[in-house]
Amino acid sequence: FYLLLGLLAVRRLLRDTGFSEGITALTLLLIGVGTNL
């Protein structure tokens, strides 16, 4: 549950900062399954 909320918050951060949908998606995916998170 908190993983979901955390990723959604990061998604909002990246989109608000001006990153595209594709860059945001790739960032979330790589950090989400490519790190010890």
All heavy atoms as atom14 arrays in JSON, in Angstrom:
{
  "sequence": "FYLLLGLLAVRRLLRDTGFSEGITALTLLLIGVGTNL",
  "atom14_mask": [
    [1, 1, 1, 1, 1, 1, 1, 1, 1, 1, 1, 0, 0, 0],
    [1, 1, 1, 1, 1, 1, 1, 1, 1, 1, 1, 1, 0, 0],
    [1, 1, 1, 1, 1, 1, 1, 1, 0, 0, 0, 0, 0, 0],
    [1, 1, 1, 1, 1, 1, 1, 1, 0, 0, 0, 0, 0, 0],
    [1, 1, 1, 1, 1, 1, 1, 1, 0, 0, 0, 0, 0, 0],
    [1, 1, 1, 1, 0, 0, 0, 0, 0, 0, 0, 0, 0, 0],
    [1, 1, 1, 1, 1, 1, 1, 1, 0, 0, 0, 0, 0, 0],
    [1, 1, 1, 1, 1, 1, 1, 1, 0, 0, 0, 0, 0, 0],
    [1, 1, 1, 1, 1, 0, 0, 0, 0, 0, 0, 0, 0, 0],
    [1, 1, 1, 1, 1, 1, 1, 0, 0, 0, 0, 0, 0, 0],
    [1, 1, 1, 1, 1, 1, 1, 1, 1, 1, 1, 0, 0, 0],
    [1, 1, 1, 1, 1, 1, 1, 1, 1, 1, 1, 0, 0, 0],
    [1, 1, 1, 1, 1, 1, 1, 1, 0, 0, 0, 0, 0, 0],
    [1, 1, 1, 1, 1, 1, 1, 1, 0, 0, 0, 0, 0, 0],
    [1, 1, 1, 1, 1, 1, 1, 1, 1, 1, 1, 0, 0, 0],
    [1, 1, 1, 1, 1, 1, 1, 1, 0, 0, 0, 0, 0, 0],
    [1, 1, 1, 1, 1, 1, 1, 0, 0, 0, 0, 0, 0, 0],
    [1, 1, 1, 1, 0, 0, 0, 0, 0, 0, 0, 0, 0, 0],
    [1, 1, 1, 1, 1, 1, 1, 1, 1, 1, 1, 0, 0, 0],
    [1, 1, 1, 1, 1, 1, 0, 0, 0, 0, 0, 0, 0, 0],
    [1, 1, 1, 1, 1, 1, 1, 1, 1, 0, 0, 0, 0, 0],
    [1, 1, 1, 1, 0, 0, 0, 0, 0, 0, 0, 0, 0, 0],
    [1, 1, 1, 1, 1, 1, 1, 1, 0, 0, 0, 0, 0, 0],
    [1, 1, 1, 1, 1, 1, 1, 0, 0, 0, 0, 0, 0, 0],
    [1, 1, 1, 1, 1, 0, 0, 0, 0, 0, 0, 0, 0, 0],
    [1, 1, 1, 1, 1, 1, 1, 1, 0, 0, 0, 0, 0, 0],
    [1, 1, 1, 1, 1, 1, 1, 0, 0, 0, 0, 0, 0, 0],
    [1, 1, 1, 1, 1, 1, 1, 1, 0, 0, 0, 0, 0, 0],
    [1, 1, 1, 1, 1, 1, 1, 1, 0, 0, 0, 0, 0, 0],
    [1, 1, 1, 1, 1, 1, 1, 1, 0, 0, 0, 0, 0, 0],
    [1, 1, 1, 1, 1, 1, 1, 1, 0, 0, 0, 0, 0, 0],
    [1, 1, 1, 1, 0, 0, 0, 0, 0, 0, 0, 0, 0, 0],
    [1, 1, 1, 1, 1, 1, 1, 0, 0, 0, 0, 0, 0, 0],
    [1, 1, 1, 1, 0, 0, 0, 0, 0, 0, 0, 0, 0, 0],
    [1, 1, 1, 1, 1, 1, 1, 0, 0, 0, 0, 0, 0, 0],
    [1, 1, 1, 1, 1, 1, 1, 1, 0, 0, 0, 0, 0, 0],
    [1, 1, 1, 1, 1, 1, 1, 1, 0, 0, 0, 0, 0, 0]
  ],
  "atom14_positions": [
    [[0.83, -1.2, 0.0], [0.0, 0.0, 0.0], [0.87, 1.26, 0.0], [0.65, 2.18, -0.81], [-0.91, -0.02, 1.22], [-1.73, 1.22, 1.41], [-2.85, 1.46, 0.61], [-1.4, 2.17, 2.38], [-3.62, 2.6, 0.78], [-2.16, 3.31, 2.54], [-3.27, 3.53, 1.75], [0.0, 0.0, 0.0], [0.0, 0.0, 0.0], [0.0, 0.0, 0.0]],
    [[1.86, 1.3, 0.88], [2.71, 2.49, 0.93], [3.66, 2.57, -0.26], [4.06, 3.67, -0.67], [3.47, 2.54, 2.26], [2.56, 2.86, 3.43], [2.27, 1.9, 4.4], [1.96, 4.11, 3.54], [1.41, 2.19, 5.46], [1.11, 4.41, 4.59], [0.83, 3.45, 5.55], [-0.02, 3.74, 6.58], [0.0, 0.0, 0.0], [0.0, 0.0, 0.0]],
    [[4.02, 1.43, -0.83], [4.76, 1.45, -2.09], [3.92, 2.13, -3.17], [4.42, 2.99, -3.91], [5.11, 0.02, -2.52], [5.73, -0.13, -3.92], [7.12, 0.5, -3.96], [5.78, -1.6, -4.34], [0.0, 0.0, 0.0], [0.0, 0.0, 0.0], [0.0, 0.0, 0.0], [0.0, 0.0, 0.0], [0.0, 0.0, 0.0], [0.0, 0.0, 0.0]],
    [[2.65, 1.74, -3.26], [1.75, 2.35, -4.25], [1.65, 3.86, -4.04], [1.81, 4.65, -4.99], [0.37, 1.71, -4.13], [-0.76, 2.34, -4.96], [-0.46, 2.2, -6.45], [-2.1, 1.7, -4.63], [0.0, 0.0, 0.0], [0.0, 0.0, 0.0], [0.0, 0.0, 0.0], [0.0, 0.0, 0.0], [0.0, 0.0, 0.0], [0.0, 0.0, 0.0]],
    [[1.41, 4.28, -2.8], [1.29, 5.72, -2.53], [2.6, 6.45, -2.82], [2.59, 7.57, -3.35], [0.86, 5.94, -1.08], [-0.53, 5.46, -0.67], [-0.84, 5.9, 0.76], [-1.6, 5.99, -1.62], [0.0, 0.0, 0.0], [0.0, 0.0, 0.0], [0.0, 0.0, 0.0], [0.0, 0.0, 0.0], [0.0, 0.0, 0.0], [0.0, 0.0, 0.0]],
    [[3.71, 5.85, -2.47], [5.0, 6.48, -2.71], [5.28, 6.65, -4.19], [5.73, 7.73, -4.64], [0.0, 0.0, 0.0], [0.0, 0.0, 0.0], [0.0, 0.0, 0.0], [0.0, 0.0, 0.0], [0.0, 0.0, 0.0], [0.0, 0.0, 0.0], [0.0, 0.0, 0.0], [0.0, 0.0, 0.0], [0.0, 0.0, 0.0], [0.0, 0.0, 0.0]],
    [[5.01, 5.62, -4.98], [5.22, 5.71, -6.43], [4.28, 6.73, -7.06], [4.67, 7.46, -7.98], [5.03, 4.34, -7.07], [6.11, 3.3, -6.74], [5.69, 1.92, -7.25], [7.45, 3.69, -7.34], [0.0, 0.0, 0.0], [0.0, 0.0, 0.0], [0.0, 0.0, 0.0], [0.0, 0.0, 0.0], [0.0, 0.0, 0.0], [0.0, 0.0, 0.0]],
    [[3.05, 6.79, -6.59], [2.1, 7.78, -7.12], [2.57, 9.2, -6.79], [2.42, 10.11, -7.62], [0.71, 7.53, -6.54], [-0.03, 6.3, -7.06], [-1.33, 6.1, -6.31], [-0.3, 6.41, -8.57], [0.0, 0.0, 0.0], [0.0, 0.0, 0.0], [0.0, 0.0, 0.0], [0.0, 0.0, 0.0], [0.0, 0.0, 0.0], [0.0, 0.0, 0.0]],
    [[3.13, 9.38, -5.6], [3.64, 10.71, -5.23], [4.84, 11.08, -6.11], [4.95, 12.23, -6.57], [4.03, 10.73, -3.76], [0.0, 0.0, 0.0], [0.0, 0.0, 0.0], [0.0, 0.0, 0.0], [0.0, 0.0, 0.0], [0.0, 0.0, 0.0], [0.0, 0.0, 0.0], [0.0, 0.0, 0.0], [0.0, 0.0, 0.0], [0.0, 0.0, 0.0]],
    [[5.74, 10.14, -6.36], [6.88, 10.41, -7.24], [6.39, 10.7, -8.66], [6.91, 11.58, -9.35], [7.87, 9.23, -7.22], [8.97, 9.43, -8.27], [8.51, 9.08, -5.84], [0.0, 0.0, 0.0], [0.0, 0.0, 0.0], [0.0, 0.0, 0.0], [0.0, 0.0, 0.0], [0.0, 0.0, 0.0], [0.0, 0.0, 0.0], [0.0, 0.0, 0.0]],
    [[5.39, 9.95, -9.09], [4.8, 10.2, -10.42], [4.32, 11.64, -10.52], [4.59, 12.35, -11.5], [3.65, 9.22, -10.65], [2.85, 9.46, -11.92], [1.73, 8.43, -12.05], [0.96, 8.63, -13.27], [-0.25, 9.18, -13.34], [-0.84, 9.6, -12.2], [-0.88, 9.31, -14.48], [0.0, 0.0, 0.0], [0.0, 0.0, 0.0], [0.0, 0.0, 0.0]],
    [[3.6, 12.09, -9.5], [3.1, 13.47, -9.52], [4.25, 14.47, -9.5], [4.21, 15.49, -10.21], [2.19, 13.67, -8.3], [1.62, 15.07, -8.17], [0.63, 15.39, -9.28], [0.1, 16.73, -9.13], [-0.99, 17.04, -8.42], [-1.66, 16.08, -7.78], [-1.42, 18.27, -8.36], [0.0, 0.0, 0.0], [0.0, 0.0, 0.0], [0.0, 0.0, 0.0]],
    [[5.28, 14.17, -8.73], [6.45, 15.06, -8.67], [7.09, 15.22, -10.05], [7.4, 16.34, -10.48], [7.48, 14.5, -7.7], [7.31, 14.78, -6.21], [8.33, 13.98, -5.42], [7.47, 16.27, -5.93], [0.0, 0.0, 0.0], [0.0, 0.0, 0.0], [0.0, 0.0, 0.0], [0.0, 0.0, 0.0], [0.0, 0.0, 0.0], [0.0, 0.0, 0.0]],
    [[7.32, 14.09, -10.7], [8.0, 14.14, -11.99], [7.15, 14.84, -13.04], [7.67, 15.64, -13.84], [8.34, 12.72, -12.44], [9.36, 11.97, -11.57], [9.56, 10.54, -12.07], [10.7, 12.7, -11.55], [0.0, 0.0, 0.0], [0.0, 0.0, 0.0], [0.0, 0.0, 0.0], [0.0, 0.0, 0.0], [0.0, 0.0, 0.0], [0.0, 0.0, 0.0]],
    [[5.86, 14.58, -13.04], [4.99, 15.23, -14.01], [4.91, 16.74, -13.74], [4.95, 17.54, -14.66], [3.59, 14.61, -13.97], [3.53, 13.14, -14.3], [3.9, 12.85, -15.76], [2.8, 13.21, -16.64], [2.91, 14.05, -17.67], [4.07, 14.64, -17.92], [1.89, 14.31, -18.43], [0.0, 0.0, 0.0], [0.0, 0.0, 0.0], [0.0, 0.0, 0.0]],
    [[4.81, 17.12, -12.46], [4.76, 18.54, -12.11], [6.06, 19.25, -12.45], [6.07, 20.46, -12.71], [4.47, 18.71, -10.62], [3.0, 18.48, -10.29], [2.21, 18.2, -11.21], [2.64, 18.56, -9.09], [0.0, 0.0, 0.0], [0.0, 0.0, 0.0], [0.0, 0.0, 0.0], [0.0, 0.0, 0.0], [0.0, 0.0, 0.0], [0.0, 0.0, 0.0]],
    [[7.17, 18.52, -12.42], [8.47, 19.11, -12.71], [8.68, 19.28, -14.21], [9.6, 19.97, -14.63], [9.6, 18.24, -12.11], [9.34, 18.07, -10.71], [10.97, 18.88, -12.26], [0.0, 0.0, 0.0], [0.0, 0.0, 0.0], [0.0, 0.0, 0.0], [0.0, 0.0, 0.0], [0.0, 0.0, 0.0], [0.0, 0.0, 0.0], [0.0, 0.0, 0.0]],
    [[7.82, 18.69, -15.02], [7.88, 18.91, -16.46], [8.37, 17.72, -17.25], [8.54, 17.83, -18.48], [0.0, 0.0, 0.0], [0.0, 0.0, 0.0], [0.0, 0.0, 0.0], [0.0, 0.0, 0.0], [0.0, 0.0, 0.0], [0.0, 0.0, 0.0], [0.0, 0.0, 0.0], [0.0, 0.0, 0.0], [0.0, 0.0, 0.0], [0.0, 0.0, 0.0]],
    [[8.6, 16.59, -16.61], [9.03, 15.41, -17.34], [7.85, 14.8, -18.09], [6.71, 14.81, -17.6], [9.65, 14.38, -16.39], [10.95, 14.83, -15.79], [11.01, 15.27, -14.48], [12.11, 14.85, -16.56], [12.21, 15.69, -13.92], [13.31, 15.27, -16.01], [13.36, 15.7, -14.7], [0.0, 0.0, 0.0], [0.0, 0.0, 0.0], [0.0, 0.0, 0.0]],
    [[8.13, 14.25, -19.25], [7.07, 13.68, -20.08], [6.52, 12.41, -19.44], [7.12, 11.82, -18.53], [7.62, 13.35, -21.47], [8.54, 12.26, -21.38], [0.0, 0.0, 0.0], [0.0, 0.0, 0.0], [0.0, 0.0, 0.0], [0.0, 0.0, 0.0], [0.0, 0.0, 0.0], [0.0, 0.0, 0.0], [0.0, 0.0, 0.0], [0.0, 0.0, 0.0]],
    [[5.39, 11.98, -19.96], [4.76, 10.76, -19.47], [5.68, 9.56, -19.68], [5.81, 8.69, -18.81], [3.43, 10.54, -20.2], [2.63, 9.35, -19.7], [2.02, 9.57, -18.33], [2.05, 10.72, -17.84], [1.51, 8.59, -17.76], [0.0, 0.0, 0.0], [0.0, 0.0, 0.0], [0.0, 0.0, 0.0], [0.0, 0.0, 0.0], [0.0, 0.0, 0.0]],
    [[6.35, 9.49, -20.82], [7.24, 8.37, -21.1], [8.44, 8.34, -20.17], [8.81, 7.27, -19.66], [0.0, 0.0, 0.0], [0.0, 0.0, 0.0], [0.0, 0.0, 0.0], [0.0, 0.0, 0.0], [0.0, 0.0, 0.0], [0.0, 0.0, 0.0], [0.0, 0.0, 0.0], [0.0, 0.0, 0.0], [0.0, 0.0, 0.0], [0.0, 0.0, 0.0]],
    [[9.08, 9.49, -19.97], [10.23, 9.56, -19.07], [9.81, 9.23, -17.64], [10.5, 8.5, -16.92], [10.88, 10.96, -19.12], [11.53, 11.19, -20.49], [11.9, 11.13, -18.0], [12.71, 10.3, -20.8], [0.0, 0.0, 0.0], [0.0, 0.0, 0.0], [0.0, 0.0, 0.0], [0.0, 0.0, 0.0], [0.0, 0.0, 0.0], [0.0, 0.0, 0.0]],
    [[8.66, 9.74, -17.23], [8.15, 9.44, -15.89], [7.9, 7.96, -15.72], [8.28, 7.36, -14.71], [6.85, 10.23, -15.63], [7.11, 11.63, -15.71], [6.27, 9.9, -14.27], [0.0, 0.0, 0.0], [0.0, 0.0, 0.0], [0.0, 0.0, 0.0], [0.0, 0.0, 0.0], [0.0, 0.0, 0.0], [0.0, 0.0, 0.0], [0.0, 0.0, 0.0]],
    [[7.26, 7.34, -16.71], [6.96, 5.91, -16.64], [8.24, 5.09, -16.55], [8.35, 4.16, -15.74], [6.14, 5.49, -17.85], [0.0, 0.0, 0.0], [0.0, 0.0, 0.0], [0.0, 0.0, 0.0], [0.0, 0.0, 0.0], [0.0, 0.0, 0.0], [0.0, 0.0, 0.0], [0.0, 0.0, 0.0], [0.0, 0.0, 0.0], [0.0, 0.0, 0.0]],
    [[9.21, 5.42, -17.38], [10.46, 4.65, -17.39], [11.22, 4.82, -16.08], [11.78, 3.86, -15.54], [11.33, 5.1, -18.57], [12.58, 4.25, -18.86], [12.21, 2.78, -19.05], [13.32, 4.79, -20.08], [0.0, 0.0, 0.0], [0.0, 0.0, 0.0], [0.0, 0.0, 0.0], [0.0, 0.0, 0.0], [0.0, 0.0, 0.0], [0.0, 0.0, 0.0]],
    [[11.23, 6.03, -15.54], [11.89, 6.27, -14.25], [11.26, 5.42, -13.15], [11.96, 4.76, -12.38], [11.8, 7.75, -13.87], [12.44, 8.54, -14.89], [12.47, 8.02, -12.53], [0.0, 0.0, 0.0], [0.0, 0.0, 0.0], [0.0, 0.0, 0.0], [0.0, 0.0, 0.0], [0.0, 0.0, 0.0], [0.0, 0.0, 0.0], [0.0, 0.0, 0.0]],
    [[9.94, 5.44, -13.09], [9.23, 4.67, -12.06], [9.48, 3.17, -12.21], [9.68, 2.46, -11.22], [7.74, 4.97, -12.13], [7.32, 6.39, -11.74], [5.87, 6.63, -12.13], [7.51, 6.63, -10.25], [0.0, 0.0, 0.0], [0.0, 0.0, 0.0], [0.0, 0.0, 0.0], [0.0, 0.0, 0.0], [0.0, 0.0, 0.0], [0.0, 0.0, 0.0]],
    [[9.48, 2.71, -13.44], [9.68, 1.27, -13.68], [11.09, 0.83, -13.32], [11.28, -0.2, -12.65], [9.39, 0.97, -15.16], [9.29, -0.51, -15.52], [8.11, -1.16, -14.82], [9.16, -0.67, -17.04], [0.0, 0.0, 0.0], [0.0, 0.0, 0.0], [0.0, 0.0, 0.0], [0.0, 0.0, 0.0], [0.0, 0.0, 0.0], [0.0, 0.0, 0.0]],
    [[12.08, 1.61, -13.71], [13.47, 1.22, -13.45], [13.8, 1.29, -11.96], [14.51, 0.41, -11.43], [14.43, 2.1, -14.25], [14.34, 1.94, -15.78], [15.35, 2.85, -16.47], [14.57, 0.49, -16.19], [0.0, 0.0, 0.0], [0.0, 0.0, 0.0], [0.0, 0.0, 0.0], [0.0, 0.0, 0.0], [0.0, 0.0, 0.0], [0.0, 0.0, 0.0]],
    [[13.31, 2.31, -11.28], [13.55, 2.39, -9.84], [12.71, 1.33, -9.1], [13.17, 0.71, -8.14], [13.23, 3.79, -9.31], [14.28, 4.8, -9.83], [13.19, 3.82, -7.78], [14.02, 6.24, -9.42], [0.0, 0.0, 0.0], [0.0, 0.0, 0.0], [0.0, 0.0, 0.0], [0.0, 0.0, 0.0], [0.0, 0.0, 0.0], [0.0, 0.0, 0.0]],
    [[11.5, 1.09, -9.59], [10.6, 0.18, -8.9], [11.01, -1.27, -8.94], [10.87, -1.99, -7.95], [0.0, 0.0, 0.0], [0.0, 0.0, 0.0], [0.0, 0.0, 0.0], [0.0, 0.0, 0.0], [0.0, 0.0, 0.0], [0.0, 0.0, 0.0], [0.0, 0.0, 0.0], [0.0, 0.0, 0.0], [0.0, 0.0, 0.0], [0.0, 0.0, 0.0]],
    [[11.52, -1.75, -10.09], [11.91, -3.16, -10.19], [13.41, -3.34, -10.37], [13.89, -4.47, -10.34], [11.16, -3.87, -11.34], [9.67, -3.91, -11.07], [11.46, -3.23, -12.69], [0.0, 0.0, 0.0], [0.0, 0.0, 0.0], [0.0, 0.0, 0.0], [0.0, 0.0, 0.0], [0.0, 0.0, 0.0], [0.0, 0.0, 0.0], [0.0, 0.0, 0.0]],
    [[14.14, -2.24, -10.51], [15.58, -2.35, -10.74], [16.43, -1.98, -9.56], [17.66, -1.93, -9.68], [0.0, 0.0, 0.0], [0.0, 0.0, 0.0], [0.0, 0.0, 0.0], [0.0, 0.0, 0.0], [0.0, 0.0, 0.0], [0.0, 0.0, 0.0], [0.0, 0.0, 0.0], [0.0, 0.0, 0.0], [0.0, 0.0, 0.0], [0.0, 0.0, 0.0]],
    [[15.81, -1.7, -8.4], [16.56, -1.35, -7.2], [16.06, -2.18, -6.02], [15.04, -2.88, -6.13], [16.41, 0.14, -6.85], [15.08, 0.36, -6.32], [16.64, 1.04, -8.06], [0.0, 0.0, 0.0], [0.0, 0.0, 0.0], [0.0, 0.0, 0.0], [0.0, 0.0, 0.0], [0.0, 0.0, 0.0], [0.0, 0.0, 0.0], [0.0, 0.0, 0.0]],
    [[16.75, -2.05, -4.9], [16.32, -2.83, -3.72], [15.05, -2.28, -3.07], [14.58, -2.85, -2.09], [17.45, -2.94, -2.7], [18.02, -1.6, -2.27], [17.79, -0.57, -2.91], [18.78, -1.6, -1.19], [0.0, 0.0, 0.0], [0.0, 0.0, 0.0], [0.0, 0.0, 0.0], [0.0, 0.0, 0.0], [0.0, 0.0, 0.0], [0.0, 0.0, 0.0]],
    [[14.47, -1.23, -3.63], [13.11, -0.86, -3.23], [12.17, -2.04, -3.44], [11.27, -2.29, -2.63], [12.63, 0.34, -4.06], [11.16, 0.77, -3.88], [10.9, 1.25, -2.46], [10.8, 1.85, -4.9], [0.0, 0.0, 0.0], [0.0, 0.0, 0.0], [0.0, 0.0, 0.0], [0.0, 0.0, 0.0], [0.0, 0.0, 0.0], [0.0, 0.0, 0.0]]
  ]
}
